[in-house]
Amino acid sequence: MKNLHLLLLIAMSTVLAACSALGEINNSIDYVNQATEHINKLNTFAEEAPQLIKNAASDPAINQELETKLETLKQDIQAFIELNDIPSIAEEIHQELVNKNEVLLSEINKVLDNGNVALEKLENSQIFTTLNEVTSLMDRIENLGK
């Protein structure tokens, strides 16, 4: 009877360990998807912004579109920074992303002057350099899911 209890205890421990590992894998996959989606948004902005900046000075509608995109980007960045339940395998890369996102947030706040885009500040900001740095982390994030 003791052997049966011991065997049952070992079997239950194994099942629980497997469930825990499966949970960590699922959390990792979820994180990879969230981080990838976030970086894709940043990348899309980086691709669209130069043309918007070029046209914003002469077209108030495009200037407004640029302001809206910056405000939306700001909200996306804040949401990413506030993510919880980061899987242990992703903690280091997440911290790097948070650091870069904090720089982006600071730069965006500098170019948004009372809700209006200061185009000259935007053109001279570090936003695009930082966006490129964030995008370069994509390979490392994708490898977390493997």
N, C-alpha and C. Protein backbone atom coordinates (compact mmCIF):
# COMPACT_ATOMS: atom_id res chain seq x y z
N MET A 1 0.82 -1.19 0.00
CA MET A 1 0.00 0.00 0.00
C MET A 1 0.87 1.26 0.00
N LYS A 2 1.98 1.24 0.79
CA LYS A 2 2.89 2.38 0.81
C LYS A 2 3.49 2.61 -0.57
N ASN A 3 3.83 1.52 -1.23
CA ASN A 3 4.41 1.65 -2.57
C ASN A 3 3.41 2.27 -3.54
N LEU A 4 2.15 1.90 -3.40
CA LEU A 4 1.12 2.45 -4.27
C LEU A 4 0.96 3.95 -4.02
N HIS A 5 0.98 4.36 -2.75
CA HIS A 5 0.89 5.79 -2.42
C HIS A 5 2.10 6.54 -2.96
N LEU A 6 3.26 5.95 -2.80
CA LEU A 6 4.49 6.58 -3.28
C LEU A 6 4.46 6.71 -4.80
N LEU A 7 4.03 5.65 -5.47
CA LEU A 7 3.93 5.67 -6.93
C LEU A 7 2.91 6.72 -7.39
N LEU A 8 1.78 6.80 -6.70
CA LEU A 8 0.76 7.79 -7.02
C LEU A 8 1.29 9.21 -6.79
N LEU A 9 2.01 9.42 -5.72
CA LEU A 9 2.60 10.72 -5.42
C LEU A 9 3.62 11.12 -6.50
N ILE A 10 4.43 10.18 -6.91
CA ILE A 10 5.42 10.46 -7.97
C ILE A 10 4.72 10.79 -9.28
N ALA A 11 3.68 10.02 -9.60
CA ALA A 11 2.94 10.27 -10.84
C ALA A 11 2.29 11.65 -10.82
N MET A 12 1.69 12.01 -9.69
CA MET A 12 1.04 13.32 -9.58
C MET A 12 2.07 14.44 -9.67
N SER A 13 3.22 14.24 -9.06
CA SER A 13 4.28 15.25 -9.12
C SER A 13 4.75 15.44 -10.56
N THR A 14 4.87 14.35 -11.28
CA THR A 14 5.30 14.42 -12.68
C THR A 14 4.27 15.17 -13.52
N VAL A 15 3.00 14.87 -13.31
CA VAL A 15 1.93 15.55 -14.05
C VAL A 15 1.93 17.04 -13.72
N LEU A 16 2.07 17.38 -12.45
CA LEU A 16 2.09 18.79 -12.06
C LEU A 16 3.29 19.52 -12.66
N ALA A 17 4.43 18.87 -12.67
CA ALA A 17 5.62 19.48 -13.26
C ALA A 17 5.42 19.70 -14.76
N ALA A 18 4.82 18.73 -15.42
CA ALA A 18 4.55 18.87 -16.85
C ALA A 18 3.56 20.00 -17.11
N CYS A 19 2.55 20.11 -16.28
CA CYS A 19 1.56 21.20 -16.44
C CYS A 19 2.22 22.55 -16.22
N SER A 20 3.10 22.62 -15.24
CA SER A 20 3.81 23.87 -14.96
C SER A 20 4.68 24.25 -16.15
N ALA A 21 5.39 23.27 -16.70
CA ALA A 21 6.24 23.54 -17.86
C ALA A 21 5.39 23.97 -19.05
N LEU A 22 4.25 23.32 -19.23
CA LEU A 22 3.35 23.68 -20.33
C LEU A 22 2.82 25.10 -20.14
N GLY A 23 2.50 25.45 -18.90
CA GLY A 23 2.05 26.82 -18.61
C GLY A 23 3.12 27.84 -18.94
N GLU A 24 4.36 27.54 -18.61
CA GLU A 24 5.48 28.45 -18.91
C GLU A 24 5.66 28.58 -20.43
N ILE A 25 5.51 27.48 -21.14
CA ILE A 25 5.62 27.52 -22.60
C ILE A 25 4.51 28.39 -23.19
N ASN A 26 3.29 28.19 -22.70
CA ASN A 26 2.17 29.01 -23.20
C ASN A 26 2.38 30.48 -22.89
N ASN A 27 2.87 30.79 -21.68
CA ASN A 27 3.16 32.19 -21.32
C ASN A 27 4.24 32.77 -22.24
N SER A 28 5.24 31.95 -22.55
CA SER A 28 6.32 32.40 -23.44
C SER A 28 5.78 32.70 -24.83
N ILE A 29 4.93 31.82 -25.33
CA ILE A 29 4.35 32.04 -26.66
C ILE A 29 3.49 33.29 -26.66
N ASP A 30 2.69 33.46 -25.62
CA ASP A 30 1.85 34.67 -25.52
C ASP A 30 2.72 35.93 -25.49
N TYR A 31 3.81 35.88 -24.73
CA TYR A 31 4.68 37.04 -24.64
C TYR A 31 5.32 37.34 -26.00
N VAL A 32 5.80 36.29 -26.67
CA VAL A 32 6.41 36.49 -27.99
C VAL A 32 5.41 37.15 -28.93
N ASN A 33 4.17 36.71 -28.89
CA ASN A 33 3.14 37.30 -29.75
C ASN A 33 2.89 38.76 -29.40
N GLN A 34 2.82 39.07 -28.10
CA GLN A 34 2.59 40.46 -27.67
C GLN A 34 3.76 41.35 -28.07
N ALA A 35 4.97 40.88 -27.81
CA ALA A 35 6.16 41.68 -28.12
C ALA A 35 6.30 41.88 -29.63
N THR A 36 6.02 40.83 -30.39
CA THR A 36 6.10 40.92 -31.85
C THR A 36 5.08 41.92 -32.38
N GLU A 37 3.87 41.85 -31.88
CA GLU A 37 2.82 42.79 -32.29
C GLU A 37 3.24 44.23 -31.96
N HIS A 38 3.80 44.42 -30.78
CA HIS A 38 4.23 45.76 -30.37
C HIS A 38 5.35 46.28 -31.28
N ILE A 39 6.32 45.44 -31.54
CA ILE A 39 7.44 45.87 -32.39
C ILE A 39 6.96 46.13 -33.82
N ASN A 40 6.01 45.34 -34.29
CA ASN A 40 5.46 45.59 -35.62
C ASN A 40 4.78 46.95 -35.69
N LYS A 41 4.08 47.34 -34.62
CA LYS A 41 3.46 48.67 -34.58
C LYS A 41 4.53 49.77 -34.63
N LEU A 42 5.60 49.57 -33.87
CA LEU A 42 6.68 50.55 -33.88
C LEU A 42 7.32 50.63 -35.26
N ASN A 43 7.51 49.48 -35.87
CA ASN A 43 8.12 49.42 -37.19
C ASN A 43 7.24 50.10 -38.25
N THR A 44 5.94 49.88 -38.16
CA THR A 44 5.00 50.52 -39.09
C THR A 44 5.09 52.04 -38.96
N PHE A 45 5.14 52.52 -37.71
CA PHE A 45 5.27 53.97 -37.51
C PHE A 45 6.59 54.47 -38.11
N ALA A 46 7.66 53.73 -37.89
CA ALA A 46 8.97 54.14 -38.41
C ALA A 46 8.97 54.22 -39.93
N GLU A 47 8.20 53.35 -40.57
CA GLU A 47 8.13 53.36 -42.03
C GLU A 47 7.25 54.49 -42.55
N GLU A 48 6.17 54.79 -41.85
CA GLU A 48 5.21 55.80 -42.32
C GLU A 48 5.60 57.23 -41.94
N ALA A 49 6.27 57.39 -40.83
CA ALA A 49 6.51 58.72 -40.27
C ALA A 49 7.33 59.66 -41.16
N PRO A 50 8.39 59.21 -41.82
CA PRO A 50 9.16 60.18 -42.62
C PRO A 50 8.32 60.91 -43.66
N GLN A 51 7.44 60.19 -44.34
CA GLN A 51 6.59 60.84 -45.34
C GLN A 51 5.57 61.76 -44.66
N LEU A 52 5.04 61.32 -43.53
CA LEU A 52 4.09 62.16 -42.79
C LEU A 52 4.77 63.46 -42.34
N ILE A 53 5.97 63.34 -41.82
CA ILE A 53 6.71 64.53 -41.36
C ILE A 53 6.94 65.48 -42.53
N LYS A 54 7.32 64.91 -43.66
CA LYS A 54 7.60 65.73 -44.85
C LYS A 54 6.36 66.53 -45.27
N ASN A 55 5.19 65.89 -45.20
CA ASN A 55 3.97 66.54 -45.67
C ASN A 55 3.22 67.31 -44.58
N ALA A 56 3.55 67.06 -43.33
CA ALA A 56 2.80 67.67 -42.23
C ALA A 56 2.96 69.19 -42.15
N ALA A 57 4.10 69.69 -42.57
CA ALA A 57 4.33 71.13 -42.49
C ALA A 57 3.38 71.91 -43.40
N SER A 58 3.00 71.32 -44.51
CA SER A 58 2.17 72.04 -45.47
C SER A 58 0.70 71.59 -45.48
N ASP A 59 0.39 70.53 -44.75
CA ASP A 59 -0.98 70.01 -44.77
C ASP A 59 -1.46 69.77 -43.34
N PRO A 60 -2.37 70.61 -42.84
CA PRO A 60 -2.86 70.46 -41.46
C PRO A 60 -3.50 69.10 -41.18
N ALA A 61 -4.14 68.50 -42.17
CA ALA A 61 -4.76 67.18 -41.97
C ALA A 61 -3.70 66.11 -41.72
N ILE A 62 -2.61 66.19 -42.45
CA ILE A 62 -1.52 65.23 -42.24
C ILE A 62 -0.83 65.50 -40.91
N ASN A 63 -0.71 66.77 -40.56
CA ASN A 63 -0.14 67.11 -39.26
C ASN A 63 -0.99 66.49 -38.14
N GLN A 64 -2.31 66.57 -38.28
CA GLN A 64 -3.22 65.98 -37.29
C GLN A 64 -3.07 64.46 -37.27
N GLU A 65 -2.94 63.86 -38.45
CA GLU A 65 -2.75 62.40 -38.53
C GLU A 65 -1.46 61.99 -37.81
N LEU A 66 -0.41 62.76 -37.99
CA LEU A 66 0.86 62.48 -37.33
C LEU A 66 0.71 62.59 -35.82
N GLU A 67 0.02 63.62 -35.35
CA GLU A 67 -0.23 63.77 -33.91
C GLU A 67 -0.99 62.57 -33.36
N THR A 68 -2.02 62.15 -34.09
CA THR A 68 -2.83 61.01 -33.66
C THR A 68 -1.98 59.75 -33.60
N LYS A 69 -1.15 59.54 -34.60
CA LYS A 69 -0.28 58.35 -34.61
C LYS A 69 0.70 58.38 -33.44
N LEU A 70 1.23 59.55 -33.13
CA LEU A 70 2.15 59.67 -31.99
C LEU A 70 1.43 59.40 -30.67
N GLU A 71 0.23 59.92 -30.53
CA GLU A 71 -0.55 59.68 -29.30
C GLU A 71 -0.89 58.20 -29.16
N THR A 72 -1.28 57.56 -30.26
CA THR A 72 -1.58 56.13 -30.23
C THR A 72 -0.33 55.33 -29.90
N LEU A 73 0.78 55.70 -30.51
CA LEU A 73 2.04 55.02 -30.25
C LEU A 73 2.42 55.16 -28.78
N LYS A 74 2.20 56.33 -28.24
CA LYS A 74 2.49 56.60 -26.83
C LYS A 74 1.67 55.66 -25.93
N GLN A 75 0.39 55.50 -26.24
CA GLN A 75 -0.47 54.60 -25.46
C GLN A 75 -0.01 53.14 -25.59
N ASP A 76 0.36 52.74 -26.80
CA ASP A 76 0.85 51.37 -27.01
C ASP A 76 2.13 51.12 -26.21
N ILE A 77 3.01 52.09 -26.21
CA ILE A 77 4.27 51.97 -25.47
C ILE A 77 3.99 51.85 -23.97
N GLN A 78 3.11 52.70 -23.46
CA GLN A 78 2.78 52.63 -22.03
C GLN A 78 2.18 51.28 -21.67
N ALA A 79 1.31 50.76 -22.52
CA ALA A 79 0.71 49.45 -22.26
C ALA A 79 1.76 48.35 -22.26
N PHE A 80 2.72 48.43 -23.17
CA PHE A 80 3.77 47.41 -23.22
C PHE A 80 4.65 47.48 -21.97
N ILE A 81 4.98 48.68 -21.56
CA ILE A 81 5.82 48.85 -20.37
C ILE A 81 5.14 48.25 -19.15
N GLU A 82 3.82 48.34 -19.10
CA GLU A 82 3.06 47.88 -17.93
C GLU A 82 2.71 46.39 -17.97
N LEU A 83 3.19 45.66 -18.98
CA LEU A 83 2.91 44.22 -19.05
C LEU A 83 3.38 43.52 -17.77
N ASN A 84 2.59 42.56 -17.33
CA ASN A 84 2.95 41.75 -16.17
C ASN A 84 3.10 40.30 -16.60
N ASP A 85 3.46 39.47 -15.66
CA ASP A 85 3.59 38.03 -15.91
C ASP A 85 4.52 37.73 -17.08
N ILE A 86 5.68 38.33 -17.06
CA ILE A 86 6.68 38.08 -18.08
C ILE A 86 7.31 36.72 -17.78
N PRO A 87 7.36 35.81 -18.76
CA PRO A 87 7.97 34.51 -18.50
C PRO A 87 9.45 34.67 -18.18
N SER A 88 9.95 33.81 -17.34
CA SER A 88 11.34 33.93 -16.89
C SER A 88 12.32 33.91 -18.06
N ILE A 89 12.01 33.15 -19.09
CA ILE A 89 12.90 33.06 -20.24
C ILE A 89 13.00 34.40 -20.99
N ALA A 90 12.01 35.26 -20.81
CA ALA A 90 11.96 36.53 -21.55
C ALA A 90 12.28 37.75 -20.69
N GLU A 91 12.61 37.55 -19.43
CA GLU A 91 12.80 38.70 -18.53
C GLU A 91 13.89 39.65 -19.01
N GLU A 92 15.01 39.12 -19.46
CA GLU A 92 16.13 39.97 -19.88
C GLU A 92 15.77 40.79 -21.12
N ILE A 93 15.23 40.13 -22.12
CA ILE A 93 14.87 40.84 -23.35
C ILE A 93 13.73 41.83 -23.09
N HIS A 94 12.82 41.46 -22.20
CA HIS A 94 11.72 42.37 -21.87
C HIS A 94 12.27 43.64 -21.22
N GLN A 95 13.22 43.49 -20.33
CA GLN A 95 13.79 44.67 -19.68
C GLN A 95 14.48 45.56 -20.70
N GLU A 96 15.16 44.97 -21.67
CA GLU A 96 15.77 45.77 -22.73
C GLU A 96 14.70 46.53 -23.51
N LEU A 97 13.62 45.83 -23.83
CA LEU A 97 12.52 46.47 -24.55
C LEU A 97 11.88 47.59 -23.73
N VAL A 98 11.70 47.35 -22.45
CA VAL A 98 11.13 48.38 -21.58
C VAL A 98 12.04 49.61 -21.57
N ASN A 99 13.35 49.39 -21.45
CA ASN A 99 14.29 50.51 -21.44
C ASN A 99 14.19 51.32 -22.73
N LYS A 100 14.17 50.63 -23.86
CA LYS A 100 14.06 51.32 -25.16
C LYS A 100 12.71 52.03 -25.28
N ASN A 101 11.65 51.39 -24.79
CA ASN A 101 10.33 52.00 -24.85
C ASN A 101 10.24 53.23 -23.97
N GLU A 102 10.92 53.22 -22.84
CA GLU A 102 10.94 54.41 -21.98
C GLU A 102 11.65 55.57 -22.67
N VAL A 103 12.71 55.26 -23.42
CA VAL A 103 13.40 56.30 -24.19
C VAL A 103 12.45 56.85 -25.26
N LEU A 104 11.76 55.94 -25.96
CA LEU A 104 10.79 56.37 -26.97
C LEU A 104 9.70 57.26 -26.37
N LEU A 105 9.19 56.84 -25.24
CA LEU A 105 8.14 57.61 -24.57
C LEU A 105 8.63 59.01 -24.22
N SER A 106 9.82 59.09 -23.71
CA SER A 106 10.41 60.38 -23.37
C SER A 106 10.57 61.26 -24.62
N GLU A 107 11.05 60.67 -25.70
CA GLU A 107 11.24 61.42 -26.94
C GLU A 107 9.89 61.88 -27.52
N ILE A 108 8.89 61.01 -27.47
CA ILE A 108 7.57 61.39 -27.97
C ILE A 108 7.00 62.54 -27.14
N ASN A 109 7.18 62.47 -25.83
CA ASN A 109 6.69 63.55 -24.97
C ASN A 109 7.38 64.87 -25.30
N LYS A 110 8.64 64.81 -25.70
CA LYS A 110 9.36 66.03 -26.06
C LYS A 110 8.81 66.65 -27.34
N VAL A 111 8.42 65.81 -28.30
CA VAL A 111 7.97 66.36 -29.58
C VAL A 111 6.49 66.72 -29.59
N LEU A 112 5.75 66.20 -28.62
CA LEU A 112 4.34 66.59 -28.50
C LEU A 112 4.26 67.75 -27.52
N ASP A 113 4.05 68.92 -28.04
CA ASP A 113 4.00 70.14 -27.24
C ASP A 113 2.53 70.50 -27.04
N ASN A 114 2.01 70.20 -25.84
CA ASN A 114 0.58 70.43 -25.53
C ASN A 114 -0.34 69.75 -26.55
N GLY A 115 0.02 68.54 -26.94
CA GLY A 115 -0.80 67.78 -27.88
C GLY A 115 -0.54 68.10 -29.33
N ASN A 116 0.35 69.05 -29.59
CA ASN A 116 0.70 69.41 -30.97
C ASN A 116 2.10 68.93 -31.28
N VAL A 117 2.29 68.49 -32.51
CA VAL A 117 3.60 68.01 -32.92
C VAL A 117 4.51 69.19 -33.20
N ALA A 118 5.67 69.17 -32.58
CA ALA A 118 6.71 70.14 -32.91
C ALA A 118 7.59 69.45 -33.96
N LEU A 119 7.32 69.74 -35.23
CA LEU A 119 7.97 69.02 -36.33
C LEU A 119 9.49 69.12 -36.28
N GLU A 120 10.00 70.30 -35.96
CA GLU A 120 11.46 70.44 -35.92
C GLU A 120 12.06 69.58 -34.81
N LYS A 121 11.35 69.45 -33.70
CA LYS A 121 11.83 68.58 -32.62
C LYS A 121 11.76 67.12 -33.05
N LEU A 122 10.71 66.76 -33.76
CA LEU A 122 10.55 65.38 -34.22
C LEU A 122 11.66 65.00 -35.19
N GLU A 123 11.94 65.89 -36.13
CA GLU A 123 13.00 65.62 -37.11
C GLU A 123 14.36 65.46 -36.45
N ASN A 124 14.59 66.15 -35.35
CA ASN A 124 15.89 66.12 -34.68
C ASN A 124 15.92 65.18 -33.48
N SER A 125 14.86 64.42 -33.29
CA SER A 125 14.79 63.55 -32.11
C SER A 125 15.52 62.23 -32.35
N GLN A 126 15.64 61.47 -31.29
CA GLN A 126 16.26 60.14 -31.34
C GLN A 126 15.22 59.04 -31.57
N ILE A 127 14.00 59.43 -31.91
CA ILE A 127 12.92 58.44 -32.04
C ILE A 127 13.27 57.37 -33.07
N PHE A 128 13.74 57.77 -34.23
CA PHE A 128 13.97 56.79 -35.29
C PHE A 128 15.17 55.89 -34.99
N THR A 129 16.17 56.43 -34.35
CA THR A 129 17.31 55.60 -33.93
C THR A 129 16.84 54.56 -32.92
N THR A 130 16.05 54.99 -31.96
CA THR A 130 15.56 54.07 -30.93
C THR A 130 14.61 53.05 -31.54
N LEU A 131 13.76 53.46 -32.47
CA LEU A 131 12.87 52.51 -33.14
C LEU A 131 13.67 51.43 -33.86
N ASN A 132 14.76 51.81 -34.51
CA ASN A 132 15.61 50.83 -35.17
C ASN A 132 16.25 49.88 -34.17
N GLU A 133 16.64 50.40 -33.02
CA GLU A 133 17.23 49.55 -31.98
C GLU A 133 16.21 48.54 -31.46
N VAL A 134 14.98 48.98 -31.27
CA VAL A 134 13.92 48.07 -30.80
C VAL A 134 13.66 47.00 -31.85
N THR A 135 13.56 47.40 -33.10
CA THR A 135 13.29 46.46 -34.18
C THR A 135 14.40 45.41 -34.28
N SER A 136 15.62 45.81 -33.98
CA SER A 136 16.73 44.85 -34.07
C SER A 136 16.63 43.75 -33.01
N LEU A 137 15.81 43.94 -32.00
CA LEU A 137 15.63 42.91 -30.97
C LEU A 137 14.63 41.83 -31.40
N MET A 138 14.00 42.01 -32.54
CA MET A 138 12.96 41.09 -33.00
C MET A 138 13.47 39.66 -33.14
N ASP A 139 14.65 39.46 -33.69
CA ASP A 139 15.17 38.09 -33.85
C ASP A 139 15.29 37.39 -32.51
N ARG A 140 15.75 38.10 -31.51
CA ARG A 140 15.88 37.49 -30.18
C ARG A 140 14.52 37.12 -29.61
N ILE A 141 13.53 37.95 -29.85
CA ILE A 141 12.18 37.66 -29.35
C ILE A 141 11.61 36.45 -30.07
N GLU A 142 11.77 36.40 -31.37
CA GLU A 142 11.25 35.27 -32.14
C GLU A 142 11.89 33.96 -31.70
N ASN A 143 13.15 34.01 -31.30
CA ASN A 143 13.84 32.80 -30.84
C ASN A 143 13.34 32.32 -29.49
N LEU A 144 12.67 33.18 -28.73
CA LEU A 144 12.09 32.74 -27.45
C LEU A 144 11.00 31.71 -27.67
N GLY A 145 10.30 31.82 -28.77
CA GLY A 145 9.19 30.92 -29.06
C GLY A 145 9.63 29.57 -29.58
N LYS A 146 10.92 29.39 -29.76
CA LYS A 146 11.42 28.13 -30.34
C LYS A 146 11.99 27.23 -29.28
